[in-house]
Amino acid sequence: MATLNDQHHIELMSFNLDNIIRENVKGLSPYSSARDEYVSDGSTMVFLDANENPFENGVNRYPDPQQRGLKAILAEQKGIKEENILLGNGSDEVLDLLFRAFCEPKQDNVITLPPTYGMYKVLSGINLVENREVLLTDDFQPNVSEIKKAIDEHTKLLFICSPNNPTGNSFSTNSIEELLNSFNGLVVIDEAYIDFSSEESWTSKLNDYPNLIITQTLSKAYGMAGIRLGICIASAEIIAVVNKIKPPYNVNQLTQEKATTRVLDINSVKNEVNEILAERAKLEEALTTVSFVEKIYPTNANFILAKVDDATLRYNQLLAKGVVVRNRTTQPLCENTLRFTVGSAVENKTLAEALKMI
């Protein structure tokens, strides 16, 4: 009798990365920059290979195209290998590279699960790739049976945002595992908010699923939205494909330096996350006392989605009091909802007072 592990192996045997890669990408020779050909070992050299300005100002040299120093730190912290990481100009570049590596324009399709992060749909439009939308269930979970029905031989990517934006909740592990096991394309789990979650990152399952891609970011928990640093985590084989098509110097020197300093100061990051979680609990408590708040949705992120009586009215009233929140009422299943980012203690107090006054 087949064990669960055997069954898992049998189902996954049909995943073949070679079937997923675009034909033009398979035969592509990536641009080889001067800094790819000669990698400094730290010894003093005269660099006359890259047509750079020789006058030192901190940024006159091209950055490391593979961001080796930063990747080494991230790999160690996440318990993976450097070859499992690709860094991008924000997660948005990483997501765009996935479309360009694996989806044939006008032929392939991807699946998204609204309400979700809006860039998946935008990128599908930019890349001329059909976006098949399968709504979440009423309790904001993936509708696995409907997702399976939407898949055909041209479905290349399935985007799963967990914890989900704008709803804040994490998706059931069983649902995601069922999709990983049954789908012969790539499952992209967007973990932009994972640091605020009680759930474990899917990076721990990387070796179990050859079709798993995880994206993370320094924009949220690390507080570095301004430097644009996105992280793609996948098998060495998938990373090698995406590496072929990324621009040679997609992560600039200043970003690499700032990111390195920040990820080395991991205790500060953890302290800030703990403070945000404490403030999140206080904000949830404050929202329960507001008369026009009808429902507060469970959250594993650094924001709270709440259903109100009239989202557009309440949004404008808060704006008049100097507080900007996000009106999500136009999103599927999100009628009359507002999304509140968890701010500092002072900012949350201002929000709570404004809510009481209106």
Protein backbone atom coordinates (compact mmCIF):
# COMPACT_ATOMS: atom_id res chain seq x y z
CA MET A 1 0.00 0.00 0.00
CA ALA A 2 1.39 3.44 -0.94
CA THR A 3 2.32 5.64 1.98
CA LEU A 4 1.41 9.34 2.07
CA ASN A 5 5.02 10.16 1.10
CA ASP A 6 4.84 7.82 -1.91
CA GLN A 7 1.58 9.43 -2.95
CA HIS A 8 3.18 12.87 -2.56
CA HIS A 9 6.06 11.71 -4.78
CA ILE A 10 3.77 10.17 -7.41
CA GLU A 11 1.68 13.36 -7.70
CA LEU A 12 4.72 15.56 -8.04
CA MET A 13 6.55 13.40 -10.56
CA SER A 14 4.64 15.11 -13.36
CA PHE A 15 6.16 18.53 -12.52
CA ASN A 16 8.91 19.25 -15.00
CA LEU A 17 10.55 22.69 -14.89
CA ASP A 18 11.66 22.33 -18.50
CA ASN A 19 8.00 22.30 -19.58
CA ILE A 20 7.36 25.57 -17.79
CA ILE A 21 10.21 27.73 -19.15
CA ARG A 22 9.52 29.89 -22.22
CA GLU A 23 11.33 28.61 -25.31
CA ASN A 24 13.15 31.90 -25.98
CA VAL A 25 14.43 31.95 -22.38
CA LYS A 26 15.77 28.39 -22.64
CA GLY A 27 18.15 29.41 -25.42
CA LEU A 28 19.05 32.79 -23.95
CA SER A 29 22.64 33.72 -23.10
CA PRO A 30 22.48 36.29 -20.31
CA TYR A 31 24.42 39.54 -20.63
CA SER A 32 27.82 39.06 -19.00
CA SER A 33 28.94 42.25 -17.27
CA ALA A 34 32.51 43.15 -16.32
CA ARG A 35 31.65 42.44 -12.70
CA ASP A 36 30.45 38.94 -13.61
CA GLU A 37 33.70 38.11 -15.36
CA TYR A 38 36.01 39.35 -12.62
CA VAL A 39 34.78 38.93 -9.04
CA SER A 40 36.93 40.75 -6.51
CA ASP A 41 38.50 38.61 -3.80
CA GLY A 42 39.28 41.66 -1.70
CA SER A 43 42.86 42.12 -2.92
CA THR A 44 43.95 45.52 -4.21
CA MET A 45 43.48 45.65 -7.97
CA VAL A 46 43.44 48.39 -10.58
CA PHE A 47 39.96 48.17 -12.12
CA LEU A 48 40.07 49.20 -15.77
CA ASP A 49 37.50 46.70 -17.06
CA ALA A 50 34.09 48.35 -16.72
CA ASN A 51 34.51 51.88 -18.14
CA GLU A 52 33.80 53.38 -14.73
CA ASN A 53 34.74 56.85 -13.49
CA PRO A 54 37.93 56.25 -11.41
CA PHE A 55 37.29 58.98 -8.84
CA GLU A 56 36.07 57.37 -5.62
CA ASN A 57 32.82 58.74 -4.18
CA GLY A 58 31.32 55.54 -2.77
CA VAL A 59 29.14 54.80 -5.79
CA ASN A 60 31.43 55.27 -8.81
CA ARG A 61 31.85 51.48 -9.22
CA TYR A 62 29.16 49.10 -10.45
CA PRO A 63 27.49 47.09 -7.67
CA ASP A 64 27.94 43.33 -7.30
CA PRO A 65 25.43 41.94 -9.87
CA GLN A 66 24.81 38.91 -7.64
CA GLN A 67 24.68 40.78 -4.30
CA ARG A 68 26.83 38.01 -2.76
CA GLY A 69 27.44 39.63 0.64
CA LEU A 70 23.76 40.33 1.27
CA LYS A 71 22.64 36.91 -0.01
CA ALA A 72 25.10 35.17 2.33
CA ILE A 73 23.54 36.86 5.37
CA LEU A 74 19.96 36.21 4.23
CA ALA A 75 20.72 32.56 3.40
CA GLU A 76 22.16 31.98 6.85
CA GLN A 77 19.24 33.68 8.61
CA LYS A 78 16.62 31.77 6.59
CA GLY A 79 18.36 28.39 6.73
CA ILE A 80 18.71 28.06 2.96
CA LYS A 81 21.55 28.28 0.41
CA GLU A 82 22.63 31.38 -1.51
CA GLU A 83 21.75 29.56 -4.75
CA ASN A 84 18.10 29.52 -3.54
CA ILE A 85 17.90 33.34 -3.52
CA LEU A 86 17.37 35.98 -6.18
CA LEU A 87 17.14 39.64 -5.15
CA GLY A 88 15.12 42.23 -7.04
CA ASN A 89 14.23 45.91 -7.20
CA GLY A 90 11.31 45.31 -4.84
CA SER A 91 9.07 42.23 -4.96
CA ASP A 92 7.36 43.80 -7.96
CA GLU A 93 10.46 43.24 -10.13
CA VAL A 94 10.72 39.66 -8.88
CA LEU A 95 7.08 39.01 -9.80
CA ASP A 96 7.55 40.59 -13.24
CA LEU A 97 10.63 38.41 -13.88
CA LEU A 98 8.53 35.30 -13.12
CA PHE A 99 6.01 36.31 -15.80
CA ARG A 100 8.80 36.96 -18.29
CA ALA A 101 10.64 33.70 -17.58
CA PHE A 102 7.67 31.33 -17.60
CA CYS A 103 4.63 32.83 -19.37
CA GLU A 104 4.29 32.99 -23.15
CA PRO A 105 2.36 36.18 -24.08
CA LYS A 106 -1.07 35.63 -25.66
CA GLN A 107 -0.81 31.91 -24.93
CA ASP A 108 -0.30 31.14 -21.23
CA ASN A 109 -2.39 32.08 -18.21
CA VAL A 110 -1.96 32.61 -14.49
CA ILE A 111 -4.41 32.23 -11.61
CA THR A 112 -4.97 34.84 -8.90
CA LEU A 113 -7.29 34.72 -5.90
CA PRO A 114 -9.09 38.04 -5.34
CA PRO A 115 -9.32 39.96 -3.15
CA THR A 116 -5.53 40.03 -3.33
CA TYR A 117 -2.48 42.17 -4.07
CA GLY A 118 -3.26 44.22 -7.18
CA MET A 119 0.13 43.96 -8.93
CA TYR A 120 -0.41 40.35 -10.07
CA LYS A 121 -3.24 41.53 -12.30
CA VAL A 122 -1.31 44.60 -13.51
CA LEU A 123 1.72 42.46 -14.41
CA SER A 124 -0.44 39.94 -16.27
CA GLY A 125 -1.78 42.83 -18.35
CA ILE A 126 1.68 44.28 -19.03
CA ASN A 127 2.98 40.86 -20.08
CA LEU A 128 -0.07 39.96 -22.22
CA VAL A 129 -0.85 36.91 -20.11
CA GLU A 130 -4.43 35.92 -19.27
CA ASN A 131 -5.30 36.35 -15.58
CA ARG A 132 -7.89 33.81 -14.38
CA GLU A 133 -9.46 35.05 -11.18
CA VAL A 134 -10.88 32.54 -8.69
CA LEU A 135 -12.52 34.37 -5.79
CA LEU A 136 -11.66 33.40 -2.23
CA THR A 137 -14.43 31.77 -0.19
CA ASP A 138 -16.55 33.93 2.13
CA ASP A 139 -14.11 33.27 4.97
CA PHE A 140 -11.22 34.44 2.73
CA GLN A 141 -9.69 31.01 2.01
CA PRO A 142 -8.61 29.56 -1.37
CA ASN A 143 -11.46 27.78 -3.17
CA VAL A 144 -9.34 24.73 -4.03
CA SER A 145 -11.93 22.88 -6.16
CA GLU A 146 -12.61 25.99 -8.29
CA ILE A 147 -8.86 26.70 -8.64
CA LYS A 148 -8.32 23.15 -9.92
CA LYS A 149 -11.15 23.63 -12.45
CA ALA A 150 -9.53 26.84 -13.74
CA ILE A 151 -6.18 25.14 -14.44
CA ASP A 152 -5.36 23.94 -17.96
CA GLU A 153 -2.18 22.99 -19.84
CA HIS A 154 -1.36 26.69 -20.35
CA THR A 155 -1.58 27.64 -16.66
CA LYS A 156 1.96 28.50 -15.57
CA LEU A 157 1.72 30.44 -12.28
CA LEU A 158 -0.64 30.39 -9.30
CA PHE A 159 -0.29 33.43 -7.00
CA ILE A 160 -1.07 32.90 -3.32
CA CYS A 161 -0.67 35.87 -0.98
CA SER A 162 -0.46 34.57 2.61
CA PRO A 163 -0.91 36.45 4.91
CA ASN A 164 -3.25 37.96 2.34
CA ASN A 165 -3.49 41.61 1.39
CA PRO A 166 -6.07 43.20 1.91
CA THR A 167 -7.76 40.66 4.20
CA GLY A 168 -4.86 40.05 6.61
CA ASN A 169 -5.47 36.34 7.21
CA SER A 170 -3.20 33.39 6.46
CA PHE A 171 -4.39 30.60 4.18
CA SER A 172 -4.85 27.04 5.39
CA THR A 173 -1.70 24.92 5.10
CA ASN A 174 -3.75 21.96 3.86
CA SER A 175 -5.23 24.00 0.99
CA ILE A 176 -1.81 25.25 -0.12
CA GLU A 177 -0.29 21.75 0.11
CA GLU A 178 -3.12 20.30 -1.96
CA LEU A 179 -2.45 22.91 -4.66
CA LEU A 180 1.33 22.33 -4.56
CA ASN A 181 0.75 18.60 -4.97
CA SER A 182 -1.80 18.77 -7.78
CA PHE A 183 -0.57 21.69 -9.93
CA ASN A 184 2.15 21.12 -12.53
CA GLY A 185 2.95 24.83 -12.77
CA LEU A 186 4.65 27.09 -10.26
CA VAL A 187 2.97 28.07 -6.99
CA VAL A 188 4.14 31.54 -5.94
CA ILE A 189 3.54 32.22 -2.24
CA ASP A 190 3.84 35.94 -1.54
CA GLU A 191 5.03 36.29 2.07
CA ALA A 192 5.34 40.08 2.27
CA TYR A 193 3.69 39.98 5.72
CA ILE A 194 5.12 36.71 7.07
CA ASP A 195 7.15 38.42 9.82
CA PHE A 196 3.93 39.52 11.54
CA SER A 197 2.37 36.06 11.34
CA SER A 198 2.14 33.25 13.87
CA GLU A 199 2.46 30.82 10.94
CA GLU A 200 5.78 29.39 9.79
CA SER A 201 7.29 30.57 6.48
CA TRP A 202 7.02 28.18 3.53
CA THR A 203 10.82 28.42 3.15
CA SER A 204 10.98 25.46 5.56
CA LYS A 205 9.19 23.34 2.89
CA LEU A 206 11.39 24.42 -0.02
CA ASN A 207 13.00 21.00 -0.47
CA ASP A 208 9.61 19.22 -0.40
CA TYR A 209 8.13 20.96 -3.45
CA PRO A 210 10.09 21.57 -6.68
CA ASN A 211 7.30 23.86 -7.93
CA LEU A 212 7.35 26.20 -4.89
CA ILE A 213 8.45 29.84 -5.15
CA ILE A 214 8.35 32.19 -2.15
CA THR A 215 8.62 35.97 -2.38
CA GLN A 216 9.50 38.16 0.58
CA THR A 217 10.40 41.82 1.04
CA LEU A 218 12.34 44.27 3.21
CA SER A 219 9.50 46.82 2.82
CA LYS A 220 7.30 45.76 5.73
CA ALA A 221 8.84 44.27 8.89
CA TYR A 222 12.33 45.55 8.00
CA GLY A 223 10.99 49.09 7.46
CA MET A 224 12.87 49.60 4.19
CA ALA A 225 10.11 50.31 1.64
CA GLY A 226 12.20 53.21 0.32
CA ILE A 227 15.18 51.11 -0.81
CA ARG A 228 13.15 48.60 -2.92
CA LEU A 229 14.53 45.17 -2.05
CA GLY A 230 12.52 42.06 -2.89
CA ILE A 231 13.54 38.46 -2.28
CA CYS A 232 12.73 35.41 -4.40
CA ILE A 233 13.33 32.00 -2.78
CA ALA A 234 13.09 28.81 -4.85
CA SER A 235 15.04 25.78 -6.04
CA ALA A 236 18.50 26.46 -7.50
CA GLU A 237 17.12 25.42 -10.90
CA ILE A 238 14.29 28.00 -10.83
CA ILE A 239 16.62 30.74 -9.54
CA ALA A 240 19.09 29.97 -12.38
CA VAL A 241 16.33 30.50 -14.96
CA VAL A 242 15.23 33.84 -13.50
CA ASN A 243 18.87 34.94 -13.12
CA LYS A 244 19.26 34.62 -16.91
CA ILE A 245 16.75 37.39 -17.58
CA LYS A 246 17.27 39.83 -14.71
CA PRO A 247 19.00 43.14 -15.56
CA PRO A 248 22.71 42.82 -14.65
CA TYR A 249 22.70 45.54 -11.97
CA ASN A 250 19.08 45.42 -10.80
CA VAL A 251 19.93 46.05 -7.11
CA ASN A 252 21.95 49.22 -6.71
CA GLN A 253 24.92 49.79 -4.40
CA LEU A 254 23.08 52.01 -1.89
CA THR A 255 20.27 49.45 -1.57
CA GLN A 256 22.77 46.62 -1.01
CA GLU A 257 24.61 48.60 1.68
CA LYS A 258 21.46 49.75 3.50
CA ALA A 259 19.90 46.28 3.33
CA THR A 260 23.07 44.62 4.65
CA THR A 261 23.24 46.96 7.65
CA ARG A 262 19.57 46.36 8.43
CA VAL A 263 19.50 42.56 8.11
CA LEU A 264 22.58 42.32 10.35
CA ASP A 265 20.67 44.30 13.00
CA ILE A 266 18.05 41.56 13.29
CA ASN A 267 17.31 42.33 16.97
CA SER A 268 16.07 45.82 16.10
CA VAL A 269 13.80 44.32 13.44
CA LYS A 270 12.38 41.80 15.93
CA ASN A 271 11.80 44.53 18.53
CA GLU A 272 9.92 46.67 16.01
CA VAL A 273 7.80 43.69 14.92
CA ASN A 274 6.91 42.96 18.57
CA GLU A 275 5.94 46.59 19.08
CA ILE A 276 3.75 46.53 15.94
CA LEU A 277 2.05 43.32 17.17
CA ALA A 278 1.37 44.92 20.58
CA GLU A 279 -0.05 48.00 18.86
CA ARG A 280 -2.12 45.79 16.55
CA ALA A 281 -3.81 44.22 19.59
CA LYS A 282 -4.55 47.70 21.01
CA LEU A 283 -5.95 48.87 17.67
CA GLU A 284 -8.22 45.80 17.44
CA GLU A 285 -9.46 46.60 20.94
CA ALA A 286 -10.12 50.24 19.98
CA LEU A 287 -12.01 49.21 16.84
CA THR A 288 -14.38 47.00 18.87
CA THR A 289 -15.66 50.13 20.64
CA VAL A 290 -16.47 52.05 17.44
CA SER A 291 -20.22 52.07 16.75
CA PHE A 292 -20.01 51.98 12.94
CA VAL A 293 -17.50 49.10 12.81
CA GLU A 294 -19.56 45.98 12.01
CA LYS A 295 -16.83 43.34 11.79
CA ILE A 296 -13.09 43.09 12.45
CA TYR A 297 -11.42 40.38 10.38
CA PRO A 298 -8.69 38.18 11.93
CA THR A 299 -5.21 39.30 10.89
CA ASN A 300 -1.70 37.89 10.67
CA ALA A 301 -0.31 41.08 9.07
CA ASN A 302 0.60 44.63 10.12
CA PHE A 303 -2.86 45.89 9.24
CA ILE A 304 -6.49 45.24 10.11
CA LEU A 305 -9.42 44.99 7.70
CA ALA A 306 -12.73 46.09 9.17
CA LYS A 307 -16.25 46.17 7.77
CA VAL A 308 -18.07 49.44 8.42
CA ASP A 309 -21.53 50.85 7.67
CA ASP A 310 -20.35 53.16 4.84
CA ALA A 311 -16.68 52.88 3.90
CA THR A 312 -16.52 55.89 1.57
CA LEU A 313 -18.22 58.19 4.09
CA ARG A 314 -15.98 57.02 6.95
CA TYR A 315 -12.86 57.23 4.77
CA ASN A 316 -13.62 60.87 3.93
CA GLN A 317 -14.42 61.72 7.56
CA LEU A 318 -11.05 60.30 8.68
CA LEU A 319 -9.32 62.20 5.89
CA ALA A 320 -10.86 65.43 7.19
CA LYS A 321 -9.33 64.61 10.59
CA GLY A 322 -5.88 64.15 9.03
CA VAL A 323 -5.82 60.34 9.01
CA VAL A 324 -5.32 58.43 5.73
CA VAL A 325 -6.52 54.80 5.67
CA ARG A 326 -7.28 52.56 2.67
CA ASN A 327 -10.81 52.21 1.36
CA ARG A 328 -11.08 48.64 -0.03
CA THR A 329 -14.80 48.73 -0.83
CA THR A 330 -14.23 48.25 -4.59
CA GLN A 331 -12.45 44.90 -4.06
CA PRO A 332 -14.37 41.59 -4.42
CA LEU A 333 -15.88 40.39 -1.09
CA CYS A 334 -14.70 43.64 0.56
CA GLU A 335 -17.74 45.88 0.26
CA ASN A 336 -17.69 48.66 2.87
CA THR A 337 -14.30 47.74 4.30
CA LEU A 338 -11.45 49.95 5.45
CA ARG A 339 -7.88 48.75 5.87
CA PHE A 340 -6.00 50.23 8.82
CA THR A 341 -2.20 49.94 8.83
CA VAL A 342 -0.83 49.56 12.36
CA GLY A 343 1.13 52.75 13.01
CA SER A 344 3.20 53.94 15.96
CA ALA A 345 1.60 54.25 19.41
CA VAL A 346 1.07 57.99 18.78
CA GLU A 347 -0.41 57.45 15.31
CA ASN A 348 -2.76 54.73 16.54
CA LYS A 349 -3.92 56.96 19.39
CA THR A 350 -4.68 59.71 16.84
CA LEU A 351 -6.65 57.21 14.76
CA ALA A 352 -8.59 55.91 17.77
CA GLU A 353 -9.53 59.47 18.81
CA ALA A 354 -10.59 60.36 15.26
CA LEU A 355 -12.78 57.24 15.09
CA LYS A 356 -14.49 58.20 18.36
CA MET A 357 -15.12 61.74 17.19
CA ILE A 358 -16.89 60.69 13.98
